[in-house]
Amino acid sequence: MLPSTESLPRQIRFEGAHNFRDLGGYPLSCGGSFTSGRVYRSDHLGRLSDTDRQRLAELGIKTVVDLRRASERAEKPDLLRDTGINEVWLPVEAEGADVINIRREVEAGRVDAQAASEFLVQANRLFVTRFSHVYSKFLHLLLQPHSLPLVFHCSAGKDRAGYAAALTLLVAGASKHDVMTDYLATNRCNRDHRRALKAGLPDGEGVEATRIALDVLMQVEERYLAAAFTEIQTRYSDTSDYMSRALDFDVNKQESLKALLTDPSSRKT
């Protein structure tokens, strides 16, 4: 019996990560479901505690994929020492998705809520038009069974990682409704983190507008991911065509990954 999507995605609690969750459980077009415990998404892993690293070991994580820019990695390197986990760096260097630097601009009063929102819309378009080579490498990495279980992340785990999650779920055969459900779940998973960020702003003139802008920046909206989908629809005949032509991920590869990510025990008999 397939799980109810109302309970998905399954967030996993870490002391030093606030948006770590399993992609597993979503129903797929083949009649099965996405295998749990195989692919995870997260915010950055630069604040992990010893307990968190033990949790990664318990999950059996073999690979961490970091989608951040070099400056982000230098500022908050993933704390994976003594874990034996393979680190793969696949930088998506879209400035509009660099929430660390944009957050500083917001907190300084130089970026308002509308500008923050437009940064994220443009970033999602760029994922399709300028960073197809990076997402191609990511999907090809998923095809390697020895790389799994795997967790991929950016800084906040919502934009670059959000698009990677959308591609992964779409290849596996999840509906666009469930893809969007997973995407929007960031707003629930990082709610406490957002509250702490806003509470940490010093009181003063204009602080309420800054808090609103910060909240917008650290959330996702349906229209952000929809901007990427629209870009795909404009340039390609369908999602499969986009994957084949832009990501070098043809139908055979798509079917291979689908088989790898489907829980065979969940198939209808």
Protein backbone atom coordinates (compact mmCIF):
# COMPACT_ATOMS: atom_id res chain seq x y z
CA MET A 1 0.00 0.00 0.00
CA LEU A 2 1.38 3.41 -1.00
CA PRO A 3 1.84 6.01 1.75
CA SER A 4 -0.36 9.07 1.86
CA THR A 5 1.40 12.06 0.35
CA GLU A 6 -0.05 14.17 3.17
CA SER A 7 2.77 12.89 5.39
CA LEU A 8 5.45 13.69 2.81
CA PRO A 9 8.16 14.71 2.57
CA ARG A 10 9.76 13.08 5.60
CA GLN A 11 11.94 15.64 7.34
CA ILE A 12 14.91 14.26 9.27
CA ARG A 13 15.99 16.31 12.28
CA PHE A 14 19.60 17.44 12.55
CA GLU A 15 21.13 19.79 15.07
CA GLY A 16 23.03 21.68 12.36
CA ALA A 17 20.71 21.39 9.33
CA HIS A 18 17.11 22.58 9.15
CA ASN A 19 15.94 21.39 5.70
CA PHE A 20 17.17 17.78 5.49
CA ARG A 21 14.59 15.41 4.06
CA ASP A 22 14.03 12.14 2.23
CA LEU A 23 12.71 12.21 -1.35
CA GLY A 24 11.20 8.77 -0.80
CA GLY A 25 7.54 7.84 -0.66
CA TYR A 26 6.02 9.78 -3.55
CA PRO A 27 3.83 7.67 -5.85
CA LEU A 28 5.23 7.13 -9.36
CA SER A 29 3.64 6.64 -12.76
CA CYS A 30 4.80 2.99 -12.84
CA GLY A 31 2.46 2.20 -9.95
CA GLY A 32 5.21 2.02 -7.36
CA SER A 33 6.74 4.70 -5.16
CA PHE A 34 10.07 6.49 -4.88
CA THR A 35 12.37 4.37 -2.73
CA SER A 36 12.92 5.79 0.75
CA GLY A 37 16.42 6.06 2.17
CA ARG A 38 18.13 6.42 -1.19
CA VAL A 39 18.16 10.13 -2.10
CA TYR A 40 18.03 13.06 0.32
CA ARG A 41 18.07 16.85 -0.04
CA SER A 42 19.29 19.43 2.47
CA ASP A 43 20.56 22.87 3.27
CA HIS A 44 24.34 23.15 3.70
CA LEU A 45 26.17 20.82 6.08
CA GLY A 46 28.56 23.39 7.52
CA ARG A 47 27.11 23.32 11.04
CA LEU A 48 26.94 19.59 11.65
CA SER A 49 27.55 18.32 15.16
CA ASP A 50 29.14 15.01 16.13
CA THR A 51 25.62 13.69 16.64
CA ASP A 52 24.69 14.82 13.13
CA ARG A 53 27.66 13.02 11.61
CA GLN A 54 26.59 9.89 13.44
CA ARG A 55 23.12 10.35 11.96
CA LEU A 56 24.65 10.48 8.46
CA ALA A 57 26.39 7.20 9.21
CA GLU A 58 23.11 5.66 10.38
CA LEU A 59 21.48 6.74 7.11
CA GLY A 60 24.31 5.06 5.23
CA ILE A 61 25.15 8.20 3.25
CA LYS A 62 27.91 7.48 0.73
CA THR A 63 27.92 10.71 -1.30
CA VAL A 64 27.33 14.40 -0.59
CA VAL A 65 26.76 16.63 -3.61
CA ASP A 66 27.43 20.32 -2.98
CA LEU A 67 25.75 22.70 -5.46
CA ARG A 68 27.14 25.90 -3.92
CA ARG A 69 29.53 28.44 -5.35
CA ALA A 70 33.20 28.43 -4.29
CA SER A 71 32.73 31.46 -2.01
CA GLU A 72 29.84 29.78 -0.18
CA ARG A 73 31.85 26.60 0.34
CA ALA A 74 34.83 28.57 1.63
CA GLU A 75 32.67 30.40 4.15
CA LYS A 76 30.77 27.34 5.41
CA PRO A 77 32.59 24.14 4.38
CA ASP A 78 30.67 20.93 4.96
CA LEU A 79 31.74 19.31 8.23
CA LEU A 80 32.22 15.72 7.03
CA ARG A 81 35.55 14.92 8.64
CA ASP A 82 36.12 11.28 9.59
CA THR A 83 32.86 10.20 7.93
CA GLY A 84 34.36 8.50 4.87
CA ILE A 85 31.69 10.16 2.74
CA ASN A 86 32.62 11.05 -0.84
CA GLU A 87 32.16 14.76 -1.56
CA VAL A 88 31.24 15.85 -5.09
CA TRP A 89 31.27 19.55 -5.97
CA LEU A 90 28.90 20.57 -8.77
CA PRO A 91 28.67 24.38 -8.54
CA VAL A 92 25.54 26.09 -9.84
CA GLU A 93 26.91 29.61 -9.86
CA ALA A 94 23.65 31.50 -10.28
CA GLU A 95 23.98 34.72 -8.30
CA GLY A 96 20.23 34.92 -7.81
CA ALA A 97 20.32 31.67 -5.82
CA ASP A 98 23.20 32.70 -3.55
CA VAL A 99 21.02 33.38 -0.53
CA ILE A 100 24.00 34.02 1.75
CA ASN A 101 25.14 37.12 -0.12
CA ILE A 102 21.63 38.25 -1.02
CA ARG A 103 20.66 37.89 2.64
CA ARG A 104 23.43 40.31 3.57
CA GLU A 105 22.05 42.78 1.03
CA VAL A 106 18.56 42.34 2.47
CA GLU A 107 19.77 42.84 6.03
CA ALA A 108 21.62 45.98 4.93
CA GLY A 109 18.38 47.34 3.45
CA ARG A 110 19.65 47.27 -0.14
CA VAL A 111 17.28 44.53 -1.40
CA ASP A 112 13.55 44.64 -0.71
CA ALA A 113 10.98 41.83 -0.83
CA GLN A 114 10.08 42.33 -4.49
CA ALA A 115 13.71 42.34 -5.61
CA ALA A 116 14.45 39.22 -3.54
CA SER A 117 11.53 37.45 -5.17
CA GLU A 118 12.65 38.40 -8.68
CA PHE A 119 16.17 37.15 -7.96
CA LEU A 120 14.69 33.71 -7.32
CA VAL A 121 12.48 33.71 -10.42
CA GLN A 122 15.45 34.57 -12.60
CA ALA A 123 17.63 31.96 -10.89
CA ASN A 124 15.15 29.22 -11.76
CA ARG A 125 15.18 30.26 -15.41
CA LEU A 126 18.97 30.13 -15.39
CA PHE A 127 18.95 26.58 -14.02
CA VAL A 128 17.40 25.57 -17.35
CA THR A 129 19.27 27.85 -19.74
CA ARG A 130 22.75 28.23 -18.28
CA PHE A 131 23.37 25.35 -15.88
CA SER A 132 22.12 22.32 -17.79
CA HIS A 133 25.67 20.91 -17.81
CA VAL A 134 25.72 20.84 -13.99
CA TYR A 135 22.33 19.18 -13.64
CA SER A 136 23.38 16.69 -16.30
CA LYS A 137 26.34 15.66 -14.15
CA PHE A 138 24.04 15.39 -11.16
CA LEU A 139 21.59 13.03 -12.88
CA HIS A 140 24.44 10.90 -14.23
CA LEU A 141 25.81 10.61 -10.69
CA LEU A 142 22.44 9.28 -9.51
CA LEU A 143 22.74 6.54 -12.13
CA GLN A 144 25.72 5.08 -10.27
CA PRO A 145 24.35 2.67 -7.63
CA HIS A 146 27.59 2.81 -5.62
CA SER A 147 26.96 6.55 -5.04
CA LEU A 148 23.74 5.87 -3.13
CA PRO A 149 22.44 6.71 -0.59
CA LEU A 150 23.20 10.29 -1.55
CA VAL A 151 22.35 13.75 -0.21
CA PHE A 152 22.54 16.88 -2.33
CA HIS A 153 22.40 20.44 -1.04
CA CYS A 154 23.01 24.11 -1.72
CA SER A 155 23.04 26.80 0.99
CA ALA A 156 19.41 26.95 2.05
CA GLY A 157 18.41 23.70 0.34
CA LYS A 158 15.54 25.33 -1.51
CA ASP A 159 16.50 26.74 -4.94
CA ARG A 160 19.41 24.92 -6.58
CA ALA A 161 18.63 21.84 -4.50
CA GLY A 162 14.93 22.40 -5.14
CA TYR A 163 15.44 22.21 -8.88
CA ALA A 164 17.65 19.12 -8.55
CA ALA A 165 14.91 17.46 -6.47
CA ALA A 166 12.30 18.38 -9.08
CA LEU A 167 14.35 16.80 -11.87
CA THR A 168 14.96 13.66 -9.82
CA LEU A 169 11.30 13.21 -8.98
CA LEU A 170 10.20 13.91 -12.57
CA VAL A 171 12.62 11.32 -13.99
CA ALA A 172 11.35 8.78 -11.50
CA GLY A 173 7.76 9.40 -12.61
CA ALA A 174 6.31 11.59 -9.87
CA SER A 175 3.45 13.90 -10.83
CA LYS A 176 4.07 17.62 -11.19
CA HIS A 177 1.67 18.10 -8.28
CA ASP A 178 3.87 16.00 -5.99
CA VAL A 179 7.01 17.65 -7.36
CA MET A 180 5.56 21.01 -6.36
CA THR A 181 4.46 19.60 -2.98
CA ASP A 182 8.04 18.60 -2.25
CA TYR A 183 9.32 21.96 -3.48
CA LEU A 184 6.95 24.01 -1.29
CA ALA A 185 7.66 21.87 1.79
CA THR A 186 10.74 24.02 2.39
CA ASN A 187 8.44 26.68 3.84
CA ARG A 188 7.33 24.26 6.55
CA CYS A 189 10.73 22.68 7.14
CA ASN A 190 12.62 25.95 7.61
CA ARG A 191 9.92 27.90 9.48
CA ASP A 192 11.78 27.92 12.80
CA HIS A 193 15.02 28.88 11.07
CA ARG A 194 13.31 31.84 9.38
CA ARG A 195 11.84 32.99 12.68
CA ALA A 196 15.28 32.91 14.30
CA LEU A 197 16.82 34.91 11.45
CA LYS A 198 14.14 37.60 11.67
CA ALA A 199 14.34 37.72 15.46
CA GLY A 200 18.07 38.28 15.19
CA LEU A 201 17.67 41.54 13.27
CA PRO A 202 18.24 44.62 15.45
CA ASP A 203 15.25 46.86 15.99
CA GLY A 204 15.33 50.17 14.18
CA GLU A 205 13.90 52.18 11.34
CA GLY A 206 12.82 50.00 8.41
CA VAL A 207 13.39 46.72 10.25
CA GLU A 208 9.88 45.43 9.57
CA ALA A 209 10.38 45.79 5.80
CA THR A 210 13.71 44.03 6.17
CA ARG A 211 12.07 41.17 8.06
CA ILE A 212 9.48 40.79 5.31
CA ALA A 213 12.17 40.76 2.63
CA LEU A 214 14.20 38.22 4.57
CA ASP A 215 11.16 35.99 4.95
CA VAL A 216 10.52 36.17 1.20
CA LEU A 217 14.13 35.36 0.39
CA MET A 218 14.23 32.31 2.64
CA GLN A 219 10.97 30.83 1.33
CA VAL A 220 9.92 29.37 -2.00
CA GLU A 221 6.87 30.16 -4.10
CA GLU A 222 5.18 28.03 -6.72
CA ARG A 223 5.98 30.60 -9.38
CA TYR A 224 9.73 30.17 -8.88
CA LEU A 225 9.81 26.54 -9.96
CA ALA A 226 7.02 27.26 -12.47
CA ALA A 227 9.41 29.72 -14.16
CA ALA A 228 11.82 26.84 -14.80
CA PHE A 229 9.02 24.62 -16.11
CA THR A 230 7.85 27.41 -18.43
CA GLU A 231 11.40 27.79 -19.76
CA ILE A 232 11.48 24.07 -20.52
CA GLN A 233 8.09 24.19 -22.25
CA THR A 234 9.19 27.16 -24.36
CA ARG A 235 12.42 25.58 -25.56
CA TYR A 236 11.61 21.86 -25.73
CA SER A 237 8.71 19.65 -26.76
CA ASP A 238 8.39 18.15 -23.26
CA THR A 239 10.41 17.34 -20.14
CA SER A 240 11.81 14.12 -21.63
CA ASP A 241 13.02 16.04 -24.69
CA TYR A 242 14.67 18.61 -22.44
CA MET A 243 16.47 15.89 -20.51
CA SER A 244 17.61 14.16 -23.70
CA ARG A 245 18.82 17.26 -25.53
CA ALA A 246 19.94 19.65 -22.78
CA LEU A 247 21.05 17.19 -20.10
CA ASP A 248 22.37 14.36 -22.33
CA PHE A 249 19.99 12.12 -20.42
CA ASP A 250 18.13 10.13 -23.07
CA VAL A 251 15.10 7.88 -22.67
CA ASN A 252 17.22 4.82 -21.89
CA LYS A 253 19.00 6.66 -19.09
CA GLN A 254 15.70 8.00 -17.83
CA GLU A 255 14.27 4.49 -17.67
CA SER A 256 17.41 3.17 -15.94
CA LEU A 257 17.22 5.85 -13.26
CA LYS A 258 13.50 5.29 -12.84
CA ALA A 259 14.14 1.59 -12.20
CA LEU A 260 16.92 2.40 -9.74
CA LEU A 261 14.75 4.79 -7.73
CA THR A 262 11.51 2.79 -7.67
CA ASP A 263 10.68 0.68 -4.65
CA PRO A 264 9.84 -2.72 -6.21
CA SER A 265 7.87 -3.81 -3.14
CA SER A 266 5.43 -0.93 -3.68
CA ARG A 267 4.40 -1.89 -7.20
CA LYS A 268 0.81 -2.87 -7.71
CA THR A 269 0.27 -6.56 -8.36
